PDBML (XML) file of the C-alpha atoms, coordinates in Angstrom:
<?xml version="1.0" encoding="UTF-8" ?>
<PDBx:datablock datablockName="MODEL"
   xmlns:PDBx="http://pdbml.pdb.org/schema/pdbx-v50.xsd"
   xmlns:xsi="http://www.w3.org/2001/XMLSchema-instance"
   xsi:schemaLocation="http://pdbml.pdb.org/schema/pdbx-v50.xsd pdbx-v50.xsd">
   <PDBx:atom_siteCategory>
      <PDBx:atom_site id="1">
         <PDBx:B_iso_or_equiv>0.00</PDBx:B_iso_or_equiv>
         <PDBx:Cartn_x>13.285</PDBx:Cartn_x>
         <PDBx:Cartn_y>16.535</PDBx:Cartn_y>
         <PDBx:Cartn_z>-16.436</PDBx:Cartn_z>
         <PDBx:auth_asym_id>A</PDBx:auth_asym_id>
         <PDBx:auth_atom_id>CA</PDBx:auth_atom_id>
         <PDBx:auth_comp_id>SER</PDBx:auth_comp_id>
         <PDBx:auth_seq_id>1</PDBx:auth_seq_id>
         <PDBx:group_PDB>ATOM</PDBx:group_PDB>
         <PDBx:label_alt_id xsi:nil="true" />
         <PDBx:label_asym_id>A</PDBx:label_asym_id>
         <PDBx:label_atom_id>CA</PDBx:label_atom_id>
         <PDBx:label_comp_id>SER</PDBx:label_comp_id>
         <PDBx:label_entity_id>1</PDBx:label_entity_id>
         <PDBx:label_seq_id>1</PDBx:label_seq_id>
         <PDBx:occupancy>1.00</PDBx:occupancy>
         <PDBx:pdbx_PDB_model_num>1</PDBx:pdbx_PDB_model_num>
         <PDBx:type_symbol>C</PDBx:type_symbol>
      </PDBx:atom_site>
      <PDBx:atom_site id="2">
         <PDBx:B_iso_or_equiv>0.00</PDBx:B_iso_or_equiv>
         <PDBx:Cartn_x>11.929</PDBx:Cartn_x>
         <PDBx:Cartn_y>15.289</PDBx:Cartn_y>
         <PDBx:Cartn_z>-13.017</PDBx:Cartn_z>
         <PDBx:auth_asym_id>A</PDBx:auth_asym_id>
         <PDBx:auth_atom_id>CA</PDBx:auth_atom_id>
         <PDBx:auth_comp_id>ALA</PDBx:auth_comp_id>
         <PDBx:auth_seq_id>2</PDBx:auth_seq_id>
         <PDBx:group_PDB>ATOM</PDBx:group_PDB>
         <PDBx:label_alt_id xsi:nil="true" />
         <PDBx:label_asym_id>A</PDBx:label_asym_id>
         <PDBx:label_atom_id>CA</PDBx:label_atom_id>
         <PDBx:label_comp_id>ALA</PDBx:label_comp_id>
         <PDBx:label_entity_id>1</PDBx:label_entity_id>
         <PDBx:label_seq_id>2</PDBx:label_seq_id>
         <PDBx:occupancy>1.00</PDBx:occupancy>
         <PDBx:pdbx_PDB_model_num>1</PDBx:pdbx_PDB_model_num>
         <PDBx:type_symbol>C</PDBx:type_symbol>
      </PDBx:atom_site>
      <PDBx:atom_site id="3">
         <PDBx:B_iso_or_equiv>0.00</PDBx:B_iso_or_equiv>
         <PDBx:Cartn_x>8.614</PDBx:Cartn_x>
         <PDBx:Cartn_y>15.477</PDBx:Cartn_y>
         <PDBx:Cartn_z>-11.298</PDBx:Cartn_z>
         <PDBx:auth_asym_id>A</PDBx:auth_asym_id>
         <PDBx:auth_atom_id>CA</PDBx:auth_atom_id>
         <PDBx:auth_comp_id>MET</PDBx:auth_comp_id>
         <PDBx:auth_seq_id>3</PDBx:auth_seq_id>
         <PDBx:group_PDB>ATOM</PDBx:group_PDB>
         <PDBx:label_alt_id xsi:nil="true" />
         <PDBx:label_asym_id>A</PDBx:label_asym_id>
         <PDBx:label_atom_id>CA</PDBx:label_atom_id>
         <PDBx:label_comp_id>MET</PDBx:label_comp_id>
         <PDBx:label_entity_id>1</PDBx:label_entity_id>
         <PDBx:label_seq_id>3</PDBx:label_seq_id>
         <PDBx:occupancy>1.00</PDBx:occupancy>
         <PDBx:pdbx_PDB_model_num>1</PDBx:pdbx_PDB_model_num>
         <PDBx:type_symbol>C</PDBx:type_symbol>
      </PDBx:atom_site>
      <PDBx:atom_site id="4">
         <PDBx:B_iso_or_equiv>0.00</PDBx:B_iso_or_equiv>
         <PDBx:Cartn_x>8.488</PDBx:Cartn_x>
         <PDBx:Cartn_y>14.501</PDBx:Cartn_y>
         <PDBx:Cartn_z>-7.572</PDBx:Cartn_z>
         <PDBx:auth_asym_id>A</PDBx:auth_asym_id>
         <PDBx:auth_atom_id>CA</PDBx:auth_atom_id>
         <PDBx:auth_comp_id>PRO</PDBx:auth_comp_id>
         <PDBx:auth_seq_id>4</PDBx:auth_seq_id>
         <PDBx:group_PDB>ATOM</PDBx:group_PDB>
         <PDBx:label_alt_id xsi:nil="true" />
         <PDBx:label_asym_id>A</PDBx:label_asym_id>
         <PDBx:label_atom_id>CA</PDBx:label_atom_id>
         <PDBx:label_comp_id>PRO</PDBx:label_comp_id>
         <PDBx:label_entity_id>1</PDBx:label_entity_id>
         <PDBx:label_seq_id>4</PDBx:label_seq_id>
         <PDBx:occupancy>1.00</PDBx:occupancy>
         <PDBx:pdbx_PDB_model_num>1</PDBx:pdbx_PDB_model_num>
         <PDBx:type_symbol>C</PDBx:type_symbol>
      </PDBx:atom_site>
      <PDBx:atom_site id="5">
         <PDBx:B_iso_or_equiv>0.00</PDBx:B_iso_or_equiv>
         <PDBx:Cartn_x>5.353</PDBx:Cartn_x>
         <PDBx:Cartn_y>12.711</PDBx:Cartn_y>
         <PDBx:Cartn_z>-6.585</PDBx:Cartn_z>
         <PDBx:auth_asym_id>A</PDBx:auth_asym_id>
         <PDBx:auth_atom_id>CA</PDBx:auth_atom_id>
         <PDBx:auth_comp_id>THR</PDBx:auth_comp_id>
         <PDBx:auth_seq_id>5</PDBx:auth_seq_id>
         <PDBx:group_PDB>ATOM</PDBx:group_PDB>
         <PDBx:label_alt_id xsi:nil="true" />
         <PDBx:label_asym_id>A</PDBx:label_asym_id>
         <PDBx:label_atom_id>CA</PDBx:label_atom_id>
         <PDBx:label_comp_id>THR</PDBx:label_comp_id>
         <PDBx:label_entity_id>1</PDBx:label_entity_id>
         <PDBx:label_seq_id>5</PDBx:label_seq_id>
         <PDBx:occupancy>1.00</PDBx:occupancy>
         <PDBx:pdbx_PDB_model_num>1</PDBx:pdbx_PDB_model_num>
         <PDBx:type_symbol>C</PDBx:type_symbol>
      </PDBx:atom_site>
      <PDBx:atom_site id="6">
         <PDBx:B_iso_or_equiv>0.00</PDBx:B_iso_or_equiv>
         <PDBx:Cartn_x>3.587</PDBx:Cartn_x>
         <PDBx:Cartn_y>10.210</PDBx:Cartn_y>
         <PDBx:Cartn_z>-4.373</PDBx:Cartn_z>
         <PDBx:auth_asym_id>A</PDBx:auth_asym_id>
         <PDBx:auth_atom_id>CA</PDBx:auth_atom_id>
         <PDBx:auth_comp_id>PHE</PDBx:auth_comp_id>
         <PDBx:auth_seq_id>6</PDBx:auth_seq_id>
         <PDBx:group_PDB>ATOM</PDBx:group_PDB>
         <PDBx:label_alt_id xsi:nil="true" />
         <PDBx:label_asym_id>A</PDBx:label_asym_id>
         <PDBx:label_atom_id>CA</PDBx:label_atom_id>
         <PDBx:label_comp_id>PHE</PDBx:label_comp_id>
         <PDBx:label_entity_id>1</PDBx:label_entity_id>
         <PDBx:label_seq_id>6</PDBx:label_seq_id>
         <PDBx:occupancy>1.00</PDBx:occupancy>
         <PDBx:pdbx_PDB_model_num>1</PDBx:pdbx_PDB_model_num>
         <PDBx:type_symbol>C</PDBx:type_symbol>
      </PDBx:atom_site>
      <PDBx:atom_site id="7">
         <PDBx:B_iso_or_equiv>0.00</PDBx:B_iso_or_equiv>
         <PDBx:Cartn_x>2.069</PDBx:Cartn_x>
         <PDBx:Cartn_y>6.947</PDBx:Cartn_y>
         <PDBx:Cartn_z>-5.517</PDBx:Cartn_z>
         <PDBx:auth_asym_id>A</PDBx:auth_asym_id>
         <PDBx:auth_atom_id>CA</PDBx:auth_atom_id>
         <PDBx:auth_comp_id>SER</PDBx:auth_comp_id>
         <PDBx:auth_seq_id>7</PDBx:auth_seq_id>
         <PDBx:group_PDB>ATOM</PDBx:group_PDB>
         <PDBx:label_alt_id xsi:nil="true" />
         <PDBx:label_asym_id>A</PDBx:label_asym_id>
         <PDBx:label_atom_id>CA</PDBx:label_atom_id>
         <PDBx:label_comp_id>SER</PDBx:label_comp_id>
         <PDBx:label_entity_id>1</PDBx:label_entity_id>
         <PDBx:label_seq_id>7</PDBx:label_seq_id>
         <PDBx:occupancy>1.00</PDBx:occupancy>
         <PDBx:pdbx_PDB_model_num>1</PDBx:pdbx_PDB_model_num>
         <PDBx:type_symbol>C</PDBx:type_symbol>
      </PDBx:atom_site>
      <PDBx:atom_site id="8">
         <PDBx:B_iso_or_equiv>0.00</PDBx:B_iso_or_equiv>
         <PDBx:Cartn_x>-1.075</PDBx:Cartn_x>
         <PDBx:Cartn_y>6.909</PDBx:Cartn_y>
         <PDBx:Cartn_z>-3.433</PDBx:Cartn_z>
         <PDBx:auth_asym_id>A</PDBx:auth_asym_id>
         <PDBx:auth_atom_id>CA</PDBx:auth_atom_id>
         <PDBx:auth_comp_id>GLY</PDBx:auth_comp_id>
         <PDBx:auth_seq_id>8</PDBx:auth_seq_id>
         <PDBx:group_PDB>ATOM</PDBx:group_PDB>
         <PDBx:label_alt_id xsi:nil="true" />
         <PDBx:label_asym_id>A</PDBx:label_asym_id>
         <PDBx:label_atom_id>CA</PDBx:label_atom_id>
         <PDBx:label_comp_id>GLY</PDBx:label_comp_id>
         <PDBx:label_entity_id>1</PDBx:label_entity_id>
         <PDBx:label_seq_id>8</PDBx:label_seq_id>
         <PDBx:occupancy>1.00</PDBx:occupancy>
         <PDBx:pdbx_PDB_model_num>1</PDBx:pdbx_PDB_model_num>
         <PDBx:type_symbol>C</PDBx:type_symbol>
      </PDBx:atom_site>
      <PDBx:atom_site id="9">
         <PDBx:B_iso_or_equiv>0.00</PDBx:B_iso_or_equiv>
         <PDBx:Cartn_x>-2.183</PDBx:Cartn_x>
         <PDBx:Cartn_y>3.912</PDBx:Cartn_y>
         <PDBx:Cartn_z>-1.472</PDBx:Cartn_z>
         <PDBx:auth_asym_id>A</PDBx:auth_asym_id>
         <PDBx:auth_atom_id>CA</PDBx:auth_atom_id>
         <PDBx:auth_comp_id>ALA</PDBx:auth_comp_id>
         <PDBx:auth_seq_id>9</PDBx:auth_seq_id>
         <PDBx:group_PDB>ATOM</PDBx:group_PDB>
         <PDBx:label_alt_id xsi:nil="true" />
         <PDBx:label_asym_id>A</PDBx:label_asym_id>
         <PDBx:label_atom_id>CA</PDBx:label_atom_id>
         <PDBx:label_comp_id>ALA</PDBx:label_comp_id>
         <PDBx:label_entity_id>1</PDBx:label_entity_id>
         <PDBx:label_seq_id>9</PDBx:label_seq_id>
         <PDBx:occupancy>1.00</PDBx:occupancy>
         <PDBx:pdbx_PDB_model_num>1</PDBx:pdbx_PDB_model_num>
         <PDBx:type_symbol>C</PDBx:type_symbol>
      </PDBx:atom_site>
      <PDBx:atom_site id="10">
         <PDBx:B_iso_or_equiv>0.00</PDBx:B_iso_or_equiv>
         <PDBx:Cartn_x>-4.743</PDBx:Cartn_x>
         <PDBx:Cartn_y>1.183</PDBx:Cartn_y>
         <PDBx:Cartn_z>-1.719</PDBx:Cartn_z>
         <PDBx:auth_asym_id>A</PDBx:auth_asym_id>
         <PDBx:auth_atom_id>CA</PDBx:auth_atom_id>
         <PDBx:auth_comp_id>LEU</PDBx:auth_comp_id>
         <PDBx:auth_seq_id>10</PDBx:auth_seq_id>
         <PDBx:group_PDB>ATOM</PDBx:group_PDB>
         <PDBx:label_alt_id xsi:nil="true" />
         <PDBx:label_asym_id>A</PDBx:label_asym_id>
         <PDBx:label_atom_id>CA</PDBx:label_atom_id>
         <PDBx:label_comp_id>LEU</PDBx:label_comp_id>
         <PDBx:label_entity_id>1</PDBx:label_entity_id>
         <PDBx:label_seq_id>10</PDBx:label_seq_id>
         <PDBx:occupancy>1.00</PDBx:occupancy>
         <PDBx:pdbx_PDB_model_num>1</PDBx:pdbx_PDB_model_num>
         <PDBx:type_symbol>C</PDBx:type_symbol>
      </PDBx:atom_site>
      <PDBx:atom_site id="11">
         <PDBx:B_iso_or_equiv>0.00</PDBx:B_iso_or_equiv>
         <PDBx:Cartn_x>-2.967</PDBx:Cartn_x>
         <PDBx:Cartn_y>-1.436</PDBx:Cartn_y>
         <PDBx:Cartn_z>0.394</PDBx:Cartn_z>
         <PDBx:auth_asym_id>A</PDBx:auth_asym_id>
         <PDBx:auth_atom_id>CA</PDBx:auth_atom_id>
         <PDBx:auth_comp_id>ALA</PDBx:auth_comp_id>
         <PDBx:auth_seq_id>11</PDBx:auth_seq_id>
         <PDBx:group_PDB>ATOM</PDBx:group_PDB>
         <PDBx:label_alt_id xsi:nil="true" />
         <PDBx:label_asym_id>A</PDBx:label_asym_id>
         <PDBx:label_atom_id>CA</PDBx:label_atom_id>
         <PDBx:label_comp_id>ALA</PDBx:label_comp_id>
         <PDBx:label_entity_id>1</PDBx:label_entity_id>
         <PDBx:label_seq_id>11</PDBx:label_seq_id>
         <PDBx:occupancy>1.00</PDBx:occupancy>
         <PDBx:pdbx_PDB_model_num>1</PDBx:pdbx_PDB_model_num>
         <PDBx:type_symbol>C</PDBx:type_symbol>
      </PDBx:atom_site>
      <PDBx:atom_site id="12">
         <PDBx:B_iso_or_equiv>0.00</PDBx:B_iso_or_equiv>
         <PDBx:Cartn_x>-1.537</PDBx:Cartn_x>
         <PDBx:Cartn_y>0.710</PDBx:Cartn_y>
         <PDBx:Cartn_z>3.183</PDBx:Cartn_z>
         <PDBx:auth_asym_id>A</PDBx:auth_asym_id>
         <PDBx:auth_atom_id>CA</PDBx:auth_atom_id>
         <PDBx:auth_comp_id>TRP</PDBx:auth_comp_id>
         <PDBx:auth_seq_id>12</PDBx:auth_seq_id>
         <PDBx:group_PDB>ATOM</PDBx:group_PDB>
         <PDBx:label_alt_id xsi:nil="true" />
         <PDBx:label_asym_id>A</PDBx:label_asym_id>
         <PDBx:label_atom_id>CA</PDBx:label_atom_id>
         <PDBx:label_comp_id>TRP</PDBx:label_comp_id>
         <PDBx:label_entity_id>1</PDBx:label_entity_id>
         <PDBx:label_seq_id>12</PDBx:label_seq_id>
         <PDBx:occupancy>1.00</PDBx:occupancy>
         <PDBx:pdbx_PDB_model_num>1</PDBx:pdbx_PDB_model_num>
         <PDBx:type_symbol>C</PDBx:type_symbol>
      </PDBx:atom_site>
      <PDBx:atom_site id="13">
         <PDBx:B_iso_or_equiv>0.00</PDBx:B_iso_or_equiv>
         <PDBx:Cartn_x>-4.346</PDBx:Cartn_x>
         <PDBx:Cartn_y>-0.071</PDBx:Cartn_y>
         <PDBx:Cartn_z>5.686</PDBx:Cartn_z>
         <PDBx:auth_asym_id>A</PDBx:auth_asym_id>
         <PDBx:auth_atom_id>CA</PDBx:auth_atom_id>
         <PDBx:auth_comp_id>PRO</PDBx:auth_comp_id>
         <PDBx:auth_seq_id>13</PDBx:auth_seq_id>
         <PDBx:group_PDB>ATOM</PDBx:group_PDB>
         <PDBx:label_alt_id xsi:nil="true" />
         <PDBx:label_asym_id>A</PDBx:label_asym_id>
         <PDBx:label_atom_id>CA</PDBx:label_atom_id>
         <PDBx:label_comp_id>PRO</PDBx:label_comp_id>
         <PDBx:label_entity_id>1</PDBx:label_entity_id>
         <PDBx:label_seq_id>13</PDBx:label_seq_id>
         <PDBx:occupancy>1.00</PDBx:occupancy>
         <PDBx:pdbx_PDB_model_num>1</PDBx:pdbx_PDB_model_num>
         <PDBx:type_symbol>C</PDBx:type_symbol>
      </PDBx:atom_site>
      <PDBx:atom_site id="14">
         <PDBx:B_iso_or_equiv>0.00</PDBx:B_iso_or_equiv>
         <PDBx:Cartn_x>-3.296</PDBx:Cartn_x>
         <PDBx:Cartn_y>-3.692</PDBx:Cartn_y>
         <PDBx:Cartn_z>5.460</PDBx:Cartn_z>
         <PDBx:auth_asym_id>A</PDBx:auth_asym_id>
         <PDBx:auth_atom_id>CA</PDBx:auth_atom_id>
         <PDBx:auth_comp_id>PHE</PDBx:auth_comp_id>
         <PDBx:auth_seq_id>14</PDBx:auth_seq_id>
         <PDBx:group_PDB>ATOM</PDBx:group_PDB>
         <PDBx:label_alt_id xsi:nil="true" />
         <PDBx:label_asym_id>A</PDBx:label_asym_id>
         <PDBx:label_atom_id>CA</PDBx:label_atom_id>
         <PDBx:label_comp_id>PHE</PDBx:label_comp_id>
         <PDBx:label_entity_id>1</PDBx:label_entity_id>
         <PDBx:label_seq_id>14</PDBx:label_seq_id>
         <PDBx:occupancy>1.00</PDBx:occupancy>
         <PDBx:pdbx_PDB_model_num>1</PDBx:pdbx_PDB_model_num>
         <PDBx:type_symbol>C</PDBx:type_symbol>
      </PDBx:atom_site>
      <PDBx:atom_site id="15">
         <PDBx:B_iso_or_equiv>0.00</PDBx:B_iso_or_equiv>
         <PDBx:Cartn_x>0.453</PDBx:Cartn_x>
         <PDBx:Cartn_y>-3.063</PDBx:Cartn_y>
         <PDBx:Cartn_z>5.995</PDBx:Cartn_z>
         <PDBx:auth_asym_id>A</PDBx:auth_asym_id>
         <PDBx:auth_atom_id>CA</PDBx:auth_atom_id>
         <PDBx:auth_comp_id>LEU</PDBx:auth_comp_id>
         <PDBx:auth_seq_id>15</PDBx:auth_seq_id>
         <PDBx:group_PDB>ATOM</PDBx:group_PDB>
         <PDBx:label_alt_id xsi:nil="true" />
         <PDBx:label_asym_id>A</PDBx:label_asym_id>
         <PDBx:label_atom_id>CA</PDBx:label_atom_id>
         <PDBx:label_comp_id>LEU</PDBx:label_comp_id>
         <PDBx:label_entity_id>1</PDBx:label_entity_id>
         <PDBx:label_seq_id>15</PDBx:label_seq_id>
         <PDBx:occupancy>1.00</PDBx:occupancy>
         <PDBx:pdbx_PDB_model_num>1</PDBx:pdbx_PDB_model_num>
         <PDBx:type_symbol>C</PDBx:type_symbol>
      </PDBx:atom_site>
      <PDBx:atom_site id="16">
         <PDBx:B_iso_or_equiv>0.00</PDBx:B_iso_or_equiv>
         <PDBx:Cartn_x>0.607</PDBx:Cartn_x>
         <PDBx:Cartn_y>-5.338</PDBx:Cartn_y>
         <PDBx:Cartn_z>9.070</PDBx:Cartn_z>
         <PDBx:auth_asym_id>A</PDBx:auth_asym_id>
         <PDBx:auth_atom_id>CA</PDBx:auth_atom_id>
         <PDBx:auth_comp_id>TYR</PDBx:auth_comp_id>
         <PDBx:auth_seq_id>16</PDBx:auth_seq_id>
         <PDBx:group_PDB>ATOM</PDBx:group_PDB>
         <PDBx:label_alt_id xsi:nil="true" />
         <PDBx:label_asym_id>A</PDBx:label_asym_id>
         <PDBx:label_atom_id>CA</PDBx:label_atom_id>
         <PDBx:label_comp_id>TYR</PDBx:label_comp_id>
         <PDBx:label_entity_id>1</PDBx:label_entity_id>
         <PDBx:label_seq_id>16</PDBx:label_seq_id>
         <PDBx:occupancy>1.00</PDBx:occupancy>
         <PDBx:pdbx_PDB_model_num>1</PDBx:pdbx_PDB_model_num>
         <PDBx:type_symbol>C</PDBx:type_symbol>
      </PDBx:atom_site>
      <PDBx:atom_site id="17">
         <PDBx:B_iso_or_equiv>0.00</PDBx:B_iso_or_equiv>
         <PDBx:Cartn_x>-0.420</PDBx:Cartn_x>
         <PDBx:Cartn_y>-8.911</PDBx:Cartn_y>
         <PDBx:Cartn_z>8.253</PDBx:Cartn_z>
         <PDBx:auth_asym_id>A</PDBx:auth_asym_id>
         <PDBx:auth_atom_id>CA</PDBx:auth_atom_id>
         <PDBx:auth_comp_id>PRO</PDBx:auth_comp_id>
         <PDBx:auth_seq_id>17</PDBx:auth_seq_id>
         <PDBx:group_PDB>ATOM</PDBx:group_PDB>
         <PDBx:label_alt_id xsi:nil="true" />
         <PDBx:label_asym_id>A</PDBx:label_asym_id>
         <PDBx:label_atom_id>CA</PDBx:label_atom_id>
         <PDBx:label_comp_id>PRO</PDBx:label_comp_id>
         <PDBx:label_entity_id>1</PDBx:label_entity_id>
         <PDBx:label_seq_id>17</PDBx:label_seq_id>
         <PDBx:occupancy>1.00</PDBx:occupancy>
         <PDBx:pdbx_PDB_model_num>1</PDBx:pdbx_PDB_model_num>
         <PDBx:type_symbol>C</PDBx:type_symbol>
      </PDBx:atom_site>
      <PDBx:atom_site id="18">
         <PDBx:B_iso_or_equiv>0.00</PDBx:B_iso_or_equiv>
         <PDBx:Cartn_x>-2.905</PDBx:Cartn_x>
         <PDBx:Cartn_y>-9.230</PDBx:Cartn_y>
         <PDBx:Cartn_z>11.081</PDBx:Cartn_z>
         <PDBx:auth_asym_id>A</PDBx:auth_asym_id>
         <PDBx:auth_atom_id>CA</PDBx:auth_atom_id>
         <PDBx:auth_comp_id>PHE</PDBx:auth_comp_id>
         <PDBx:auth_seq_id>18</PDBx:auth_seq_id>
         <PDBx:group_PDB>ATOM</PDBx:group_PDB>
         <PDBx:label_alt_id xsi:nil="true" />
         <PDBx:label_asym_id>A</PDBx:label_asym_id>
         <PDBx:label_atom_id>CA</PDBx:label_atom_id>
         <PDBx:label_comp_id>PHE</PDBx:label_comp_id>
         <PDBx:label_entity_id>1</PDBx:label_entity_id>
         <PDBx:label_seq_id>18</PDBx:label_seq_id>
         <PDBx:occupancy>1.00</PDBx:occupancy>
         <PDBx:pdbx_PDB_model_num>1</PDBx:pdbx_PDB_model_num>
         <PDBx:type_symbol>C</PDBx:type_symbol>
      </PDBx:atom_site>
      <PDBx:atom_site id="19">
         <PDBx:B_iso_or_equiv>0.00</PDBx:B_iso_or_equiv>
         <PDBx:Cartn_x>-5.794</PDBx:Cartn_x>
         <PDBx:Cartn_y>-9.849</PDBx:Cartn_y>
         <PDBx:Cartn_z>10.886</PDBx:Cartn_z>
         <PDBx:auth_asym_id>A</PDBx:auth_asym_id>
         <PDBx:auth_atom_id>CA</PDBx:auth_atom_id>
         <PDBx:auth_comp_id>PRO</PDBx:auth_comp_id>
         <PDBx:auth_seq_id>19</PDBx:auth_seq_id>
         <PDBx:group_PDB>ATOM</PDBx:group_PDB>
         <PDBx:label_alt_id xsi:nil="true" />
         <PDBx:label_asym_id>A</PDBx:label_asym_id>
         <PDBx:label_atom_id>CA</PDBx:label_atom_id>
         <PDBx:label_comp_id>PRO</PDBx:label_comp_id>
         <PDBx:label_entity_id>1</PDBx:label_entity_id>
         <PDBx:label_seq_id>19</PDBx:label_seq_id>
         <PDBx:occupancy>1.00</PDBx:occupancy>
         <PDBx:pdbx_PDB_model_num>1</PDBx:pdbx_PDB_model_num>
         <PDBx:type_symbol>C</PDBx:type_symbol>
      </PDBx:atom_site>
      <PDBx:atom_site id="20">
         <PDBx:B_iso_or_equiv>0.00</PDBx:B_iso_or_equiv>
         <PDBx:Cartn_x>-4.597</PDBx:Cartn_x>
         <PDBx:Cartn_y>-12.351</PDBx:Cartn_y>
         <PDBx:Cartn_z>8.283</PDBx:Cartn_z>
         <PDBx:auth_asym_id>A</PDBx:auth_asym_id>
         <PDBx:auth_atom_id>CA</PDBx:auth_atom_id>
         <PDBx:auth_comp_id>GLN</PDBx:auth_comp_id>
         <PDBx:auth_seq_id>20</PDBx:auth_seq_id>
         <PDBx:group_PDB>ATOM</PDBx:group_PDB>
         <PDBx:label_alt_id xsi:nil="true" />
         <PDBx:label_asym_id>A</PDBx:label_asym_id>
         <PDBx:label_atom_id>CA</PDBx:label_atom_id>
         <PDBx:label_comp_id>GLN</PDBx:label_comp_id>
         <PDBx:label_entity_id>1</PDBx:label_entity_id>
         <PDBx:label_seq_id>20</PDBx:label_seq_id>
         <PDBx:occupancy>1.00</PDBx:occupancy>
         <PDBx:pdbx_PDB_model_num>1</PDBx:pdbx_PDB_model_num>
         <PDBx:type_symbol>C</PDBx:type_symbol>
      </PDBx:atom_site>
      <PDBx:atom_site id="21">
         <PDBx:B_iso_or_equiv>0.00</PDBx:B_iso_or_equiv>
         <PDBx:Cartn_x>-4.906</PDBx:Cartn_x>
         <PDBx:Cartn_y>-10.935</PDBx:Cartn_y>
         <PDBx:Cartn_z>4.795</PDBx:Cartn_z>
         <PDBx:auth_asym_id>A</PDBx:auth_asym_id>
         <PDBx:auth_atom_id>CA</PDBx:auth_atom_id>
         <PDBx:auth_comp_id>ARG</PDBx:auth_comp_id>
         <PDBx:auth_seq_id>21</PDBx:auth_seq_id>
         <PDBx:group_PDB>ATOM</PDBx:group_PDB>
         <PDBx:label_alt_id xsi:nil="true" />
         <PDBx:label_asym_id>A</PDBx:label_asym_id>
         <PDBx:label_atom_id>CA</PDBx:label_atom_id>
         <PDBx:label_comp_id>ARG</PDBx:label_comp_id>
         <PDBx:label_entity_id>1</PDBx:label_entity_id>
         <PDBx:label_seq_id>21</PDBx:label_seq_id>
         <PDBx:occupancy>1.00</PDBx:occupancy>
         <PDBx:pdbx_PDB_model_num>1</PDBx:pdbx_PDB_model_num>
         <PDBx:type_symbol>C</PDBx:type_symbol>
      </PDBx:atom_site>
      <PDBx:atom_site id="22">
         <PDBx:B_iso_or_equiv>0.00</PDBx:B_iso_or_equiv>
         <PDBx:Cartn_x>-6.799</PDBx:Cartn_x>
         <PDBx:Cartn_y>-13.029</PDBx:Cartn_y>
         <PDBx:Cartn_z>2.277</PDBx:Cartn_z>
         <PDBx:auth_asym_id>A</PDBx:auth_asym_id>
         <PDBx:auth_atom_id>CA</PDBx:auth_atom_id>
         <PDBx:auth_comp_id>PRO</PDBx:auth_comp_id>
         <PDBx:auth_seq_id>22</PDBx:auth_seq_id>
         <PDBx:group_PDB>ATOM</PDBx:group_PDB>
         <PDBx:label_alt_id xsi:nil="true" />
         <PDBx:label_asym_id>A</PDBx:label_asym_id>
         <PDBx:label_atom_id>CA</PDBx:label_atom_id>
         <PDBx:label_comp_id>PRO</PDBx:label_comp_id>
         <PDBx:label_entity_id>1</PDBx:label_entity_id>
         <PDBx:label_seq_id>22</PDBx:label_seq_id>
         <PDBx:occupancy>1.00</PDBx:occupancy>
         <PDBx:pdbx_PDB_model_num>1</PDBx:pdbx_PDB_model_num>
         <PDBx:type_symbol>C</PDBx:type_symbol>
      </PDBx:atom_site>
      <PDBx:atom_site id="23">
         <PDBx:B_iso_or_equiv>0.00</PDBx:B_iso_or_equiv>
         <PDBx:Cartn_x>-4.597</PDBx:Cartn_x>
         <PDBx:Cartn_y>-14.411</PDBx:Cartn_y>
         <PDBx:Cartn_z>-0.527</PDBx:Cartn_z>
         <PDBx:auth_asym_id>A</PDBx:auth_asym_id>
         <PDBx:auth_atom_id>CA</PDBx:auth_atom_id>
         <PDBx:auth_comp_id>PRO</PDBx:auth_comp_id>
         <PDBx:auth_seq_id>23</PDBx:auth_seq_id>
         <PDBx:group_PDB>ATOM</PDBx:group_PDB>
         <PDBx:label_alt_id xsi:nil="true" />
         <PDBx:label_asym_id>A</PDBx:label_asym_id>
         <PDBx:label_atom_id>CA</PDBx:label_atom_id>
         <PDBx:label_comp_id>PRO</PDBx:label_comp_id>
         <PDBx:label_entity_id>1</PDBx:label_entity_id>
         <PDBx:label_seq_id>23</PDBx:label_seq_id>
         <PDBx:occupancy>1.00</PDBx:occupancy>
         <PDBx:pdbx_PDB_model_num>1</PDBx:pdbx_PDB_model_num>
         <PDBx:type_symbol>C</PDBx:type_symbol>
      </PDBx:atom_site>
      <PDBx:atom_site id="24">
         <PDBx:B_iso_or_equiv>0.00</PDBx:B_iso_or_equiv>
         <PDBx:Cartn_x>-4.220</PDBx:Cartn_x>
         <PDBx:Cartn_y>-12.068</PDBx:Cartn_y>
         <PDBx:Cartn_z>-3.414</PDBx:Cartn_z>
         <PDBx:auth_asym_id>A</PDBx:auth_asym_id>
         <PDBx:auth_atom_id>CA</PDBx:auth_atom_id>
         <PDBx:auth_comp_id>GLY</PDBx:auth_comp_id>
         <PDBx:auth_seq_id>24</PDBx:auth_seq_id>
         <PDBx:group_PDB>ATOM</PDBx:group_PDB>
         <PDBx:label_alt_id xsi:nil="true" />
         <PDBx:label_asym_id>A</PDBx:label_asym_id>
         <PDBx:label_atom_id>CA</PDBx:label_atom_id>
         <PDBx:label_comp_id>GLY</PDBx:label_comp_id>
         <PDBx:label_entity_id>1</PDBx:label_entity_id>
         <PDBx:label_seq_id>24</PDBx:label_seq_id>
         <PDBx:occupancy>1.00</PDBx:occupancy>
         <PDBx:pdbx_PDB_model_num>1</PDBx:pdbx_PDB_model_num>
         <PDBx:type_symbol>C</PDBx:type_symbol>
      </PDBx:atom_site>
   </PDBx:atom_siteCategory>
</PDBx:datablock>
């Protein structure tokens, strides 16, 4: 009934908000 998994990552390289992230 359960399947362990990861989500993957598109935003991870921008985890820390510097340089400032563009809005959106």
